[in-house]
Amino acid sequence: MNCSQEIVFSTKSKYRALVSAVAPKTARQELKNYDHCFLGVSLENNDFVTGKLIATTDWIARNFEKYTVFLADSVHRINLQIDQDLTEDKALNKALLLARRFIDDQSDIFQRHAKT
């Protein structure tokens, strides 16, 4: 018995991804020449909620052969230190925990486009 099932949503996503800016502007036409891109994820940022992340990774999969996800966990510790007045160690531990939760919660999204 196969227990794996694909979940299909019958509604259209309210999010779509597009390129709004490229720096320098002259490089915009060169995007099509690249087969690999980086997706930088900022923890606790509403731009990386599930719906937006699906739209983003779908766009990336249509435009690039592969992508690397950069999860800014150790950078996020600085935000936590400032915003929550945490010590460096506590901020780092919390940032690493947030990163682990993000990976656990969103890994199916990234697996959708994984090449086997």
N, C-alpha and C. Protein backbone atom coordinates (compact mmCIF):
# COMPACT_ATOMS: atom_id res chain seq x y z
N MET A 1 0.84 -1.18 0.00
CA MET A 1 0.00 0.00 0.00
C MET A 1 0.88 1.24 0.00
N ASN A 2 0.63 2.15 -0.91
CA ASN A 2 1.40 3.39 -1.01
C ASN A 2 0.69 4.48 -0.21
N CYS A 3 1.36 4.99 0.81
CA CYS A 3 0.74 6.00 1.69
C CYS A 3 0.99 7.42 1.24
N SER A 4 1.87 7.62 0.27
CA SER A 4 2.15 8.98 -0.16
C SER A 4 1.05 9.47 -1.08
N GLN A 5 0.59 10.65 -0.83
CA GLN A 5 -0.46 11.25 -1.63
C GLN A 5 -0.08 12.68 -1.95
N GLU A 6 -0.45 13.11 -3.13
CA GLU A 6 -0.22 14.49 -3.52
C GLU A 6 -1.47 15.29 -3.19
N ILE A 7 -1.28 16.43 -2.60
CA ILE A 7 -2.41 17.30 -2.27
C ILE A 7 -2.55 18.30 -3.40
N VAL A 8 -3.72 18.37 -3.98
CA VAL A 8 -3.99 19.28 -5.08
C VAL A 8 -5.00 20.31 -4.62
N PHE A 9 -4.70 21.57 -4.84
CA PHE A 9 -5.60 22.65 -4.49
C PHE A 9 -6.35 23.08 -5.74
N SER A 10 -7.66 23.19 -5.63
CA SER A 10 -8.46 23.54 -6.80
C SER A 10 -8.60 25.04 -6.98
N THR A 11 -8.07 25.81 -6.07
CA THR A 11 -8.17 27.26 -6.18
C THR A 11 -6.88 27.83 -6.72
N LYS A 12 -6.99 28.94 -7.38
CA LYS A 12 -5.83 29.63 -7.92
C LYS A 12 -5.14 30.41 -6.81
N SER A 13 -3.83 30.35 -6.78
CA SER A 13 -3.07 31.09 -5.78
C SER A 13 -3.30 32.58 -5.94
N LYS A 14 -3.40 33.28 -4.83
CA LYS A 14 -3.58 34.73 -4.92
C LYS A 14 -2.24 35.44 -5.12
N TYR A 15 -1.17 34.68 -5.14
CA TYR A 15 0.15 35.27 -5.31
C TYR A 15 0.73 34.88 -6.66
N ARG A 16 1.51 35.78 -7.21
CA ARG A 16 2.29 35.46 -8.40
C ARG A 16 3.63 36.15 -8.25
N ALA A 17 4.64 35.56 -8.83
CA ALA A 17 5.99 36.10 -8.73
C ALA A 17 6.39 36.71 -10.06
N LEU A 18 7.15 37.79 -9.98
CA LEU A 18 7.68 38.45 -11.16
C LEU A 18 8.93 39.20 -10.77
N VAL A 19 9.66 39.61 -11.76
CA VAL A 19 10.87 40.40 -11.54
C VAL A 19 10.47 41.87 -11.57
N SER A 20 10.61 42.53 -10.43
CA SER A 20 10.23 43.95 -10.40
C SER A 20 11.43 44.87 -10.61
N ALA A 21 12.63 44.38 -10.28
CA ALA A 21 13.82 45.22 -10.45
C ALA A 21 15.05 44.33 -10.59
N VAL A 22 15.97 44.79 -11.39
CA VAL A 22 17.26 44.12 -11.55
C VAL A 22 18.32 45.21 -11.47
N ALA A 23 19.37 44.93 -10.72
CA ALA A 23 20.46 45.90 -10.62
C ALA A 23 21.75 45.25 -11.10
N PRO A 24 22.46 45.85 -12.00
CA PRO A 24 22.11 47.07 -12.71
C PRO A 24 21.02 46.80 -13.75
N LYS A 25 20.31 47.83 -14.13
CA LYS A 25 19.18 47.69 -15.05
C LYS A 25 19.58 47.01 -16.35
N THR A 26 20.81 47.22 -16.78
CA THR A 26 21.27 46.63 -18.04
C THR A 26 21.35 45.10 -17.97
N ALA A 27 21.35 44.53 -16.77
CA ALA A 27 21.46 43.09 -16.61
C ALA A 27 20.12 42.36 -16.75
N ARG A 28 19.02 43.09 -16.82
CA ARG A 28 17.70 42.45 -16.87
C ARG A 28 17.59 41.46 -18.03
N GLN A 29 18.06 41.83 -19.21
CA GLN A 29 17.97 40.95 -20.36
C GLN A 29 18.91 39.74 -20.25
N GLU A 30 19.89 39.83 -19.37
CA GLU A 30 20.84 38.73 -19.21
C GLU A 30 20.32 37.61 -18.32
N LEU A 31 19.23 37.83 -17.60
CA LEU A 31 18.70 36.80 -16.70
C LEU A 31 18.46 35.48 -17.42
N LYS A 32 17.98 35.55 -18.64
CA LYS A 32 17.68 34.33 -19.40
C LYS A 32 18.92 33.51 -19.72
N ASN A 33 20.10 34.10 -19.55
CA ASN A 33 21.35 33.39 -19.84
C ASN A 33 21.85 32.55 -18.66
N TYR A 34 21.21 32.67 -17.53
CA TYR A 34 21.66 31.95 -16.33
C TYR A 34 20.80 30.71 -16.11
N ASP A 35 21.41 29.63 -15.65
CA ASP A 35 20.65 28.43 -15.35
C ASP A 35 20.52 28.17 -13.86
N HIS A 36 21.15 29.01 -13.03
CA HIS A 36 21.16 28.82 -11.59
C HIS A 36 20.92 30.16 -10.90
N CYS A 37 20.09 30.13 -9.86
CA CYS A 37 19.88 31.36 -9.10
C CYS A 37 19.88 31.05 -7.61
N PHE A 38 19.96 32.10 -6.82
CA PHE A 38 19.91 32.00 -5.37
C PHE A 38 18.61 32.61 -4.88
N LEU A 39 17.97 31.92 -3.96
CA LEU A 39 16.78 32.44 -3.29
C LEU A 39 17.16 32.71 -1.85
N GLY A 40 17.26 33.98 -1.50
CA GLY A 40 17.57 34.35 -0.13
C GLY A 40 16.29 34.45 0.68
N VAL A 41 16.22 33.71 1.78
CA VAL A 41 15.04 33.69 2.64
C VAL A 41 15.34 34.43 3.93
N SER A 42 14.49 35.40 4.23
CA SER A 42 14.60 36.17 5.46
C SER A 42 13.59 35.62 6.46
N LEU A 43 14.08 35.10 7.56
CA LEU A 43 13.20 34.51 8.57
C LEU A 43 12.25 35.54 9.16
N GLU A 44 11.06 35.10 9.48
CA GLU A 44 10.00 35.93 10.07
C GLU A 44 9.61 37.12 9.19
N ASN A 45 9.76 36.95 7.89
CA ASN A 45 9.41 37.97 6.93
C ASN A 45 8.18 37.50 6.16
N ASN A 46 7.16 38.32 6.07
CA ASN A 46 5.91 37.93 5.42
C ASN A 46 6.05 37.65 3.93
N ASP A 47 7.17 38.00 3.34
CA ASP A 47 7.39 37.68 1.93
C ASP A 47 7.67 36.19 1.72
N PHE A 48 7.82 35.44 2.81
CA PHE A 48 8.14 34.02 2.70
C PHE A 48 7.09 33.13 3.36
N VAL A 49 5.85 33.62 3.42
CA VAL A 49 4.75 32.76 3.86
C VAL A 49 4.49 31.73 2.77
N THR A 50 3.80 30.67 3.09
CA THR A 50 3.64 29.53 2.18
C THR A 50 3.17 29.91 0.79
N GLY A 51 2.10 30.68 0.67
CA GLY A 51 1.57 31.03 -0.65
C GLY A 51 2.57 31.79 -1.50
N LYS A 52 3.24 32.74 -0.91
CA LYS A 52 4.24 33.52 -1.66
C LYS A 52 5.45 32.67 -2.01
N LEU A 53 5.82 31.77 -1.11
CA LEU A 53 6.96 30.90 -1.37
C LEU A 53 6.66 29.94 -2.53
N ILE A 54 5.44 29.44 -2.60
CA ILE A 54 5.05 28.58 -3.72
C ILE A 54 5.14 29.36 -5.03
N ALA A 55 4.59 30.56 -5.05
CA ALA A 55 4.64 31.38 -6.27
C ALA A 55 6.08 31.66 -6.67
N THR A 56 6.92 31.95 -5.71
CA THR A 56 8.32 32.26 -5.99
C THR A 56 9.06 31.05 -6.54
N THR A 57 8.91 29.90 -5.88
CA THR A 57 9.64 28.71 -6.34
C THR A 57 9.09 28.21 -7.69
N ASP A 58 7.80 28.38 -7.93
CA ASP A 58 7.25 28.01 -9.24
C ASP A 58 7.86 28.89 -10.33
N TRP A 59 7.97 30.19 -10.07
CA TRP A 59 8.57 31.10 -11.05
C TRP A 59 10.03 30.72 -11.29
N ILE A 60 10.75 30.45 -10.21
CA ILE A 60 12.16 30.06 -10.35
C ILE A 60 12.28 28.79 -11.19
N ALA A 61 11.43 27.80 -10.91
CA ALA A 61 11.50 26.53 -11.65
C ALA A 61 11.22 26.73 -13.14
N ARG A 62 10.38 27.70 -13.49
CA ARG A 62 10.10 27.97 -14.90
C ARG A 62 11.25 28.70 -15.59
N ASN A 63 12.08 29.38 -14.83
CA ASN A 63 13.10 30.24 -15.43
C ASN A 63 14.54 29.79 -15.23
N PHE A 64 14.77 28.82 -14.36
CA PHE A 64 16.13 28.36 -14.07
C PHE A 64 16.15 26.85 -13.96
N GLU A 65 17.29 26.26 -14.29
CA GLU A 65 17.46 24.82 -14.15
C GLU A 65 17.54 24.40 -12.69
N LYS A 66 18.18 25.23 -11.88
CA LYS A 66 18.34 24.89 -10.47
C LYS A 66 18.43 26.17 -9.65
N TYR A 67 18.22 26.01 -8.36
CA TYR A 67 18.37 27.14 -7.46
C TYR A 67 18.89 26.68 -6.12
N THR A 68 19.52 27.58 -5.43
CA THR A 68 20.04 27.35 -4.10
C THR A 68 19.30 28.26 -3.15
N VAL A 69 18.84 27.68 -2.05
CA VAL A 69 18.14 28.47 -1.03
C VAL A 69 19.15 28.88 0.03
N PHE A 70 19.19 30.17 0.28
CA PHE A 70 20.07 30.73 1.31
C PHE A 70 19.17 31.17 2.46
N LEU A 71 19.25 30.47 3.57
CA LEU A 71 18.44 30.76 4.74
C LEU A 71 19.27 31.59 5.72
N ALA A 72 18.89 32.83 5.89
CA ALA A 72 19.71 33.79 6.63
C ALA A 72 19.50 33.68 8.13
N ASP A 73 19.79 32.50 8.70
CA ASP A 73 19.55 32.30 10.12
C ASP A 73 20.55 33.04 11.00
N SER A 74 21.82 32.96 10.68
CA SER A 74 22.80 33.63 11.54
C SER A 74 22.73 35.15 11.39
N VAL A 75 22.25 35.62 10.25
CA VAL A 75 22.03 37.06 10.08
C VAL A 75 20.80 37.50 10.88
N HIS A 76 19.80 36.65 10.91
CA HIS A 76 18.56 36.97 11.63
C HIS A 76 18.81 37.14 13.13
N ARG A 77 19.85 36.50 13.64
CA ARG A 77 20.15 36.66 15.07
C ARG A 77 20.40 38.11 15.44
N ILE A 78 20.92 38.89 14.51
CA ILE A 78 21.17 40.30 14.79
C ILE A 78 19.84 41.03 14.99
N ASN A 79 18.85 40.71 14.14
CA ASN A 79 17.52 41.30 14.32
C ASN A 79 16.96 40.93 15.69
N LEU A 80 17.13 39.67 16.07
CA LEU A 80 16.61 39.22 17.36
C LEU A 80 17.31 39.91 18.52
N GLN A 81 18.61 40.10 18.39
CA GLN A 81 19.35 40.81 19.44
C GLN A 81 18.81 42.23 19.62
N ILE A 82 18.57 42.90 18.51
CA ILE A 82 18.12 44.29 18.56
C ILE A 82 16.66 44.37 18.96
N ASP A 83 15.79 43.61 18.26
CA ASP A 83 14.35 43.73 18.46
C ASP A 83 13.87 43.14 19.77
N GLN A 84 14.53 42.06 20.23
CA GLN A 84 14.06 41.38 21.43
C GLN A 84 15.04 41.48 22.59
N ASP A 85 16.08 42.28 22.41
CA ASP A 85 17.07 42.50 23.47
C ASP A 85 17.62 41.19 24.02
N LEU A 86 17.96 40.26 23.11
CA LEU A 86 18.52 38.97 23.51
C LEU A 86 20.04 39.03 23.49
N THR A 87 20.64 38.17 24.28
CA THR A 87 22.09 38.04 24.21
C THR A 87 22.45 37.40 22.87
N GLU A 88 23.70 37.50 22.50
CA GLU A 88 24.13 36.94 21.22
C GLU A 88 23.85 35.44 21.16
N ASP A 89 24.18 34.71 22.23
CA ASP A 89 23.95 33.26 22.25
C ASP A 89 22.47 32.91 22.16
N LYS A 90 21.64 33.60 22.93
CA LYS A 90 20.20 33.32 22.90
C LYS A 90 19.60 33.67 21.54
N ALA A 91 20.06 34.77 20.97
CA ALA A 91 19.56 35.18 19.66
C ALA A 91 19.95 34.16 18.59
N LEU A 92 21.18 33.68 18.64
CA LEU A 92 21.63 32.68 17.68
C LEU A 92 20.83 31.39 17.83
N ASN A 93 20.65 30.93 19.06
CA ASN A 93 19.88 29.71 19.29
C ASN A 93 18.45 29.85 18.79
N LYS A 94 17.84 31.00 19.04
CA LYS A 94 16.47 31.22 18.57
C LYS A 94 16.42 31.28 17.04
N ALA A 95 17.39 31.93 16.43
CA ALA A 95 17.44 32.01 14.97
C ALA A 95 17.61 30.62 14.36
N LEU A 96 18.45 29.79 14.95
CA LEU A 96 18.63 28.43 14.45
C LEU A 96 17.36 27.60 14.61
N LEU A 97 16.65 27.81 15.70
CA LEU A 97 15.37 27.13 15.91
C LEU A 97 14.34 27.58 14.88
N LEU A 98 14.27 28.87 14.63
CA LEU A 98 13.35 29.40 13.61
C LEU A 98 13.69 28.83 12.23
N ALA A 99 14.97 28.72 11.93
CA ALA A 99 15.40 28.17 10.65
C ALA A 99 14.98 26.70 10.52
N ARG A 100 15.17 25.93 11.59
CA ARG A 100 14.78 24.52 11.57
C ARG A 100 13.28 24.39 11.35
N ARG A 101 12.50 25.21 12.03
CA ARG A 101 11.04 25.18 11.86
C ARG A 101 10.65 25.54 10.43
N PHE A 102 11.31 26.54 9.87
CA PHE A 102 11.03 26.95 8.50
C PHE A 102 11.31 25.79 7.54
N ILE A 103 12.44 25.15 7.71
CA ILE A 103 12.79 24.02 6.85
C ILE A 103 11.76 22.90 7.00
N ASP A 104 11.41 22.57 8.23
CA ASP A 104 10.44 21.51 8.46
C ASP A 104 9.08 21.85 7.85
N ASP A 105 8.65 23.10 8.02
CA ASP A 105 7.34 23.52 7.55
C ASP A 105 7.26 23.67 6.03
N GLN A 106 8.35 24.07 5.40
CA GLN A 106 8.32 24.42 3.97
C GLN A 106 9.05 23.45 3.06
N SER A 107 9.61 22.40 3.59
CA SER A 107 10.43 21.51 2.75
C SER A 107 9.65 20.90 1.59
N ASP A 108 8.36 20.64 1.76
CA ASP A 108 7.57 20.09 0.65
C ASP A 108 7.54 21.05 -0.54
N ILE A 109 7.54 22.33 -0.28
CA ILE A 109 7.53 23.32 -1.36
C ILE A 109 8.80 23.21 -2.20
N PHE A 110 9.93 23.08 -1.52
CA PHE A 110 11.20 22.98 -2.25
C PHE A 110 11.33 21.63 -2.96
N GLN A 111 10.77 20.59 -2.40
CA GLN A 111 10.83 19.26 -2.99
C GLN A 111 10.00 19.15 -4.27
N ARG A 112 9.01 20.00 -4.44
CA ARG A 112 8.14 19.96 -5.62
C ARG A 112 8.93 20.07 -6.91
N HIS A 113 10.03 20.78 -6.88
CA HIS A 113 10.80 21.01 -8.10
C HIS A 113 12.15 20.30 -8.08
N ALA A 114 12.34 19.42 -7.10
CA ALA A 114 13.62 18.72 -7.01
C ALA A 114 13.78 17.77 -8.18
N LYS A 115 14.93 17.80 -8.79
CA LYS A 115 15.22 16.91 -9.91
C LYS A 115 15.78 15.61 -9.35
N THR A 116 15.26 14.50 -9.80
CA THR A 116 15.74 13.21 -9.29
C THR A 116 16.68 12.55 -10.26
